[in-house]
Amino acid sequence: MEHTAKYQKYERLYRQIDDLIKKSSNNPGSNMSTIIAVLHHKIPYFFWTGFYILIDDKLQVGPYQGSLACIDLTKDTGVCWMAINKKETVVVPDVEAFPGHIACDSRSCSEIVVPLYNDKEELCGVLDVDSRELNSFDETDAYWLEKISQLVYHPNV
């Protein structure tokens, strides 16, 4: 997708998600589900879209759409834990070239993982998106997914 078109699509989706969340009970679980449903069905290269929640020093699957998820992610392995440990978004153009990649679905080719912060600004999980195509994610995806993930705990009221 061309850069400007991608940016504009994310901009529209951000407004849509924000409007939906404003109308809801402002429950983080509901907000996550809304975000996942919109992103997964509106962005064609999103193959698996979900949250992993940090619970008792473990990453456990939260709301998601796509093929069956890995339920628990082994500490300090894979892309999700790298994003947790570095406290920054991680873009992986080719998961086969990523040491220690956790393959929940062998059809995944590229991945982006965005850290999730709660209302106390504590790291509490990640937004994880996989694509069946190589090199699917770039700085536009990173920017907008970071912004959208903030709506889980910080809706624009």
C-alpha atoms as a PDB file:
ATOM      1  CA  MET A   1       0.000   0.000   0.000  1.00  0.00           C
ATOM      2  CA  GLU A   2       1.325   3.401  -0.981  1.00  0.00           C
ATOM      3  CA  HIS A   3       2.560   5.475   1.987  1.00  0.00           C
ATOM      4  CA  THR A   4       0.004   8.321   1.747  1.00  0.00           C
ATOM      5  CA  ALA A   5      -2.911   5.913   1.240  1.00  0.00           C
ATOM      6  CA  LYS A   6      -1.763   3.809   4.186  1.00  0.00           C
ATOM      7  CA  TYR A   7      -1.420   6.874   6.421  1.00  0.00           C
ATOM      8  CA  GLN A   8      -4.895   8.103   5.465  1.00  0.00           C
ATOM      9  CA  LYS A   9      -6.430   4.678   6.041  1.00  0.00           C
ATOM     10  CA  TYR A  10      -4.926   4.493   9.532  1.00  0.00           C
ATOM     11  CA  GLU A  11      -6.110   8.028  10.226  1.00  0.00           C
ATOM     12  CA  ARG A  12      -9.698   7.020   9.346  1.00  0.00           C
ATOM     13  CA  LEU A  13      -9.446   3.828  11.399  1.00  0.00           C
ATOM     14  CA  TYR A  14      -8.096   5.757  14.383  1.00  0.00           C
ATOM     15  CA  ARG A  15     -11.113   8.083  14.294  1.00  0.00           C
ATOM     16  CA  GLN A  16     -13.479   5.129  13.888  1.00  0.00           C
ATOM     17  CA  ILE A  17     -11.952   3.214  16.814  1.00  0.00           C
ATOM     18  CA  ASP A  18     -11.864   6.345  18.973  1.00  0.00           C
ATOM     19  CA  ASP A  19     -15.573   7.000  18.268  1.00  0.00           C
ATOM     20  CA  LEU A  20     -16.508   3.385  19.060  1.00  0.00           C
ATOM     21  CA  ILE A  21     -14.555   3.414  22.319  1.00  0.00           C
ATOM     22  CA  LYS A  22     -16.073   6.739  23.394  1.00  0.00           C
ATOM     23  CA  LYS A  23     -19.513   5.141  23.066  1.00  0.00           C
ATOM     24  CA  SER A  24     -18.557   2.073  25.128  1.00  0.00           C
ATOM     25  CA  SER A  25     -18.190   1.405  28.831  1.00  0.00           C
ATOM     26  CA  ASN A  26     -14.510   2.360  28.665  1.00  0.00           C
ATOM     27  CA  ASN A  27     -13.501  -1.120  29.801  1.00  0.00           C
ATOM     28  CA  PRO A  28      -9.921  -1.962  28.694  1.00  0.00           C
ATOM     29  CA  GLY A  29     -10.943  -5.500  27.685  1.00  0.00           C
ATOM     30  CA  SER A  30     -13.784  -4.183  25.534  1.00  0.00           C
ATOM     31  CA  ASN A  31     -11.490  -1.523  24.101  1.00  0.00           C
ATOM     32  CA  MET A  32      -8.933  -4.185  23.139  1.00  0.00           C
ATOM     33  CA  SER A  33     -11.622  -6.285  21.471  1.00  0.00           C
ATOM     34  CA  THR A  34     -12.906  -3.291  19.507  1.00  0.00           C
ATOM     35  CA  ILE A  35      -9.415  -2.319  18.361  1.00  0.00           C
ATOM     36  CA  ILE A  36      -8.599  -5.872  17.270  1.00  0.00           C
ATOM     37  CA  ALA A  37     -11.877  -6.349  15.378  1.00  0.00           C
ATOM     38  CA  VAL A  38     -11.536  -3.099  13.447  1.00  0.00           C
ATOM     39  CA  LEU A  39      -7.861  -3.517  12.585  1.00  0.00           C
ATOM     40  CA  HIS A  40      -8.116  -7.185  11.656  1.00  0.00           C
ATOM     41  CA  HIS A  41     -11.036  -6.688   9.296  1.00  0.00           C
ATOM     42  CA  LYS A  42     -10.034  -3.350   7.778  1.00  0.00           C
ATOM     43  CA  ILE A  43      -6.338  -3.865   6.999  1.00  0.00           C
ATOM     44  CA  PRO A  44      -5.976  -6.640   4.429  1.00  0.00           C
ATOM     45  CA  TYR A  45      -2.399  -7.666   5.238  1.00  0.00           C
ATOM     46  CA  PHE A  46      -3.206  -8.273   8.938  1.00  0.00           C
ATOM     47  CA  PHE A  47      -3.262 -12.085   9.222  1.00  0.00           C
ATOM     48  CA  TRP A  48      -3.212 -12.395  13.033  1.00  0.00           C
ATOM     49  CA  THR A  49      -4.066  -9.445  15.265  1.00  0.00           C
ATOM     50  CA  GLY A  50      -4.132  -9.548  19.051  1.00  0.00           C
ATOM     51  CA  PHE A  51      -3.014  -8.488  22.462  1.00  0.00           C
ATOM     52  CA  TYR A  52      -0.787 -10.357  24.870  1.00  0.00           C
ATOM     53  CA  ILE A  53      -1.207  -9.307  28.495  1.00  0.00           C
ATOM     54  CA  LEU A  54       1.616  -9.285  31.041  1.00  0.00           C
ATOM     55  CA  ILE A  55       0.338 -11.273  34.036  1.00  0.00           C
ATOM     56  CA  ASP A  56       2.657 -12.415  36.836  1.00  0.00           C
ATOM     57  CA  ASP A  57       5.734 -11.972  34.633  1.00  0.00           C
ATOM     58  CA  LYS A  58       4.143 -14.033  31.825  1.00  0.00           C
ATOM     59  CA  LEU A  59       2.707 -12.953  28.470  1.00  0.00           C
ATOM     60  CA  GLN A  60      -0.729 -14.517  28.078  1.00  0.00           C
ATOM     61  CA  VAL A  61      -2.999 -14.177  25.081  1.00  0.00           C
ATOM     62  CA  GLY A  62      -5.763 -11.604  25.320  1.00  0.00           C
ATOM     63  CA  PRO A  63      -8.350 -10.588  22.721  1.00  0.00           C
ATOM     64  CA  TYR A  64      -7.309 -11.632  19.226  1.00  0.00           C
ATOM     65  CA  GLN A  65      -8.547 -12.488  15.741  1.00  0.00           C
ATOM     66  CA  GLY A  66      -6.964 -14.890  13.318  1.00  0.00           C
ATOM     67  CA  SER A  67      -5.726 -18.438  13.623  1.00  0.00           C
ATOM     68  CA  LEU A  68      -5.355 -20.161  16.982  1.00  0.00           C
ATOM     69  CA  ALA A  69      -2.913 -18.266  19.226  1.00  0.00           C
ATOM     70  CA  CYS A  70      -0.064 -19.398  21.403  1.00  0.00           C
ATOM     71  CA  ILE A  71      -1.635 -19.108  24.866  1.00  0.00           C
ATOM     72  CA  ASP A  72       1.517 -18.329  26.878  1.00  0.00           C
ATOM     73  CA  LEU A  73       4.775 -16.938  25.489  1.00  0.00           C
ATOM     74  CA  THR A  74       7.974 -18.161  27.110  1.00  0.00           C
ATOM     75  CA  LYS A  75       9.713 -15.349  28.981  1.00  0.00           C
ATOM     76  CA  ASP A  76      12.461 -13.499  27.135  1.00  0.00           C
ATOM     77  CA  THR A  77      11.916 -15.288  23.811  1.00  0.00           C
ATOM     78  CA  GLY A  78      10.396 -14.091  20.578  1.00  0.00           C
ATOM     79  CA  VAL A  79       9.348 -10.738  19.201  1.00  0.00           C
ATOM     80  CA  CYS A  80       6.741  -9.972  21.883  1.00  0.00           C
ATOM     81  CA  TRP A  81       9.230 -10.330  24.709  1.00  0.00           C
ATOM     82  CA  MET A  82      11.775  -8.246  22.791  1.00  0.00           C
ATOM     83  CA  ALA A  83       9.219  -5.404  22.646  1.00  0.00           C
ATOM     84  CA  ILE A  84       8.541  -5.825  26.380  1.00  0.00           C
ATOM     85  CA  ASN A  85      12.226  -5.896  27.315  1.00  0.00           C
ATOM     86  CA  LYS A  86      13.213  -2.989  25.045  1.00  0.00           C
ATOM     87  CA  LYS A  87       9.998  -1.039  25.788  1.00  0.00           C
ATOM     88  CA  GLU A  88       9.723  -0.120  22.125  1.00  0.00           C
ATOM     89  CA  THR A  89       7.998  -1.211  18.957  1.00  0.00           C
ATOM     90  CA  VAL A  90       9.710  -4.039  17.099  1.00  0.00           C
ATOM     91  CA  VAL A  91       9.256  -4.532  13.345  1.00  0.00           C
ATOM     92  CA  VAL A  92      10.364  -7.861  11.881  1.00  0.00           C
ATOM     93  CA  PRO A  93      10.404  -7.882   8.050  1.00  0.00           C
ATOM     94  CA  ASP A  94      11.073 -11.648   7.892  1.00  0.00           C
ATOM     95  CA  VAL A  95      10.242 -13.810  10.915  1.00  0.00           C
ATOM     96  CA  GLU A  96      12.423 -16.637   9.588  1.00  0.00           C
ATOM     97  CA  ALA A  97      15.454 -14.362  10.020  1.00  0.00           C
ATOM     98  CA  PHE A  98      14.541 -13.449  13.627  1.00  0.00           C
ATOM     99  CA  PRO A  99      16.480 -15.560  16.166  1.00  0.00           C
ATOM    100  CA  GLY A 100      14.125 -17.213  18.643  1.00  0.00           C
ATOM    101  CA  HIS A 101      10.947 -16.373  16.742  1.00  0.00           C
ATOM    102  CA  ILE A 102       7.929 -18.176  18.204  1.00  0.00           C
ATOM    103  CA  ALA A 103       5.897 -19.590  15.324  1.00  0.00           C
ATOM    104  CA  CYS A 104       2.287 -19.872  16.484  1.00  0.00           C
ATOM    105  CA  ASP A 105       1.288 -20.211  12.814  1.00  0.00           C
ATOM    106  CA  SER A 106       3.838 -21.224  10.188  1.00  0.00           C
ATOM    107  CA  ARG A 107       2.113 -19.002   7.589  1.00  0.00           C
ATOM    108  CA  SER A 108       3.293 -15.841   9.373  1.00  0.00           C
ATOM    109  CA  CYS A 109       6.044 -14.069   7.397  1.00  0.00           C
ATOM    110  CA  SER A 110       6.450 -10.643   9.041  1.00  0.00           C
ATOM    111  CA  GLU A 111       5.424  -9.128  12.367  1.00  0.00           C
ATOM    112  CA  ILE A 112       5.097  -5.913  14.338  1.00  0.00           C
ATOM    113  CA  VAL A 113       4.796  -5.722  18.122  1.00  0.00           C
ATOM    114  CA  VAL A 114       3.855  -2.552  20.024  1.00  0.00           C
ATOM    115  CA  PRO A 115       4.240  -2.208  23.818  1.00  0.00           C
ATOM    116  CA  LEU A 116       1.005  -1.502  25.714  1.00  0.00           C
ATOM    117  CA  TYR A 117       0.894   0.810  28.737  1.00  0.00           C
ATOM    118  CA  ASN A 118      -1.936   1.018  31.274  1.00  0.00           C
ATOM    119  CA  ASP A 119      -3.479   4.141  32.815  1.00  0.00           C
ATOM    120  CA  LYS A 120      -0.589   4.306  35.331  1.00  0.00           C
ATOM    121  CA  GLU A 121       1.924   4.277  32.446  1.00  0.00           C
ATOM    122  CA  GLU A 122       3.077   0.778  33.458  1.00  0.00           C
ATOM    123  CA  LEU A 123       4.014  -1.702  30.752  1.00  0.00           C
ATOM    124  CA  CYS A 124       1.169  -4.230  30.758  1.00  0.00           C
ATOM    125  CA  GLY A 125       1.346  -6.128  27.469  1.00  0.00           C
ATOM    126  CA  VAL A 126       1.732  -5.828  23.716  1.00  0.00           C
ATOM    127  CA  LEU A 127      -0.254  -5.445  20.524  1.00  0.00           C
ATOM    128  CA  ASP A 128       1.000  -8.130  18.126  1.00  0.00           C
ATOM    129  CA  VAL A 129       0.223  -8.224  14.392  1.00  0.00           C
ATOM    130  CA  ASP A 130       1.392 -10.837  11.885  1.00  0.00           C
ATOM    131  CA  SER A 131       1.229 -10.824   8.084  1.00  0.00           C
ATOM    132  CA  ARG A 132       1.489 -13.635   5.542  1.00  0.00           C
ATOM    133  CA  GLU A 133       3.698 -11.391   3.412  1.00  0.00           C
ATOM    134  CA  LEU A 134       7.325 -10.386   3.937  1.00  0.00           C
ATOM    135  CA  ASN A 135       8.098  -6.727   4.741  1.00  0.00           C
ATOM    136  CA  SER A 136       4.481  -5.813   5.493  1.00  0.00           C
ATOM    137  CA  PHE A 137       5.173  -3.326   8.266  1.00  0.00           C
ATOM    138  CA  ASP A 138       6.936   0.033   8.285  1.00  0.00           C
ATOM    139  CA  GLU A 139       7.160   3.283  10.241  1.00  0.00           C
ATOM    140  CA  THR A 140       3.581   4.215   9.303  1.00  0.00           C
ATOM    141  CA  ASP A 141       2.263   1.002  10.839  1.00  0.00           C
ATOM    142  CA  ALA A 142       4.428   1.580  13.913  1.00  0.00           C
ATOM    143  CA  TYR A 143       3.247   5.180  14.363  1.00  0.00           C
ATOM    144  CA  TRP A 144      -0.459   4.405  14.032  1.00  0.00           C
ATOM    145  CA  LEU A 145      -0.448   1.136  15.963  1.00  0.00           C
ATOM    146  CA  GLU A 146       1.308   2.893  18.852  1.00  0.00           C
ATOM    147  CA  LYS A 147      -1.300   5.662  18.729  1.00  0.00           C
ATOM    148  CA  ILE A 148      -4.232   3.232  18.438  1.00  0.00           C
ATOM    149  CA  SER A 149      -2.963   1.012  21.268  1.00  0.00           C
ATOM    150  CA  GLN A 150      -3.016   4.042  23.587  1.00  0.00           C
ATOM    151  CA  LEU A 151      -6.808   4.095  23.212  1.00  0.00           C
ATOM    152  CA  VAL A 152      -7.063   0.927  25.331  1.00  0.00           C
ATOM    153  CA  TYR A 153      -6.392   2.885  28.533  1.00  0.00           C
ATOM    154  CA  HIS A 154      -6.392   6.508  27.350  1.00  0.00           C
ATOM    155  CA  PRO A 155      -9.430   7.117  25.176  1.00  0.00           C
ATOM    156  CA  ASN A 156      -9.737  10.643  23.835  1.00  0.00           C
ATOM    157  CA  VAL A 157     -12.641  11.930  25.911  1.00  0.00           C
END
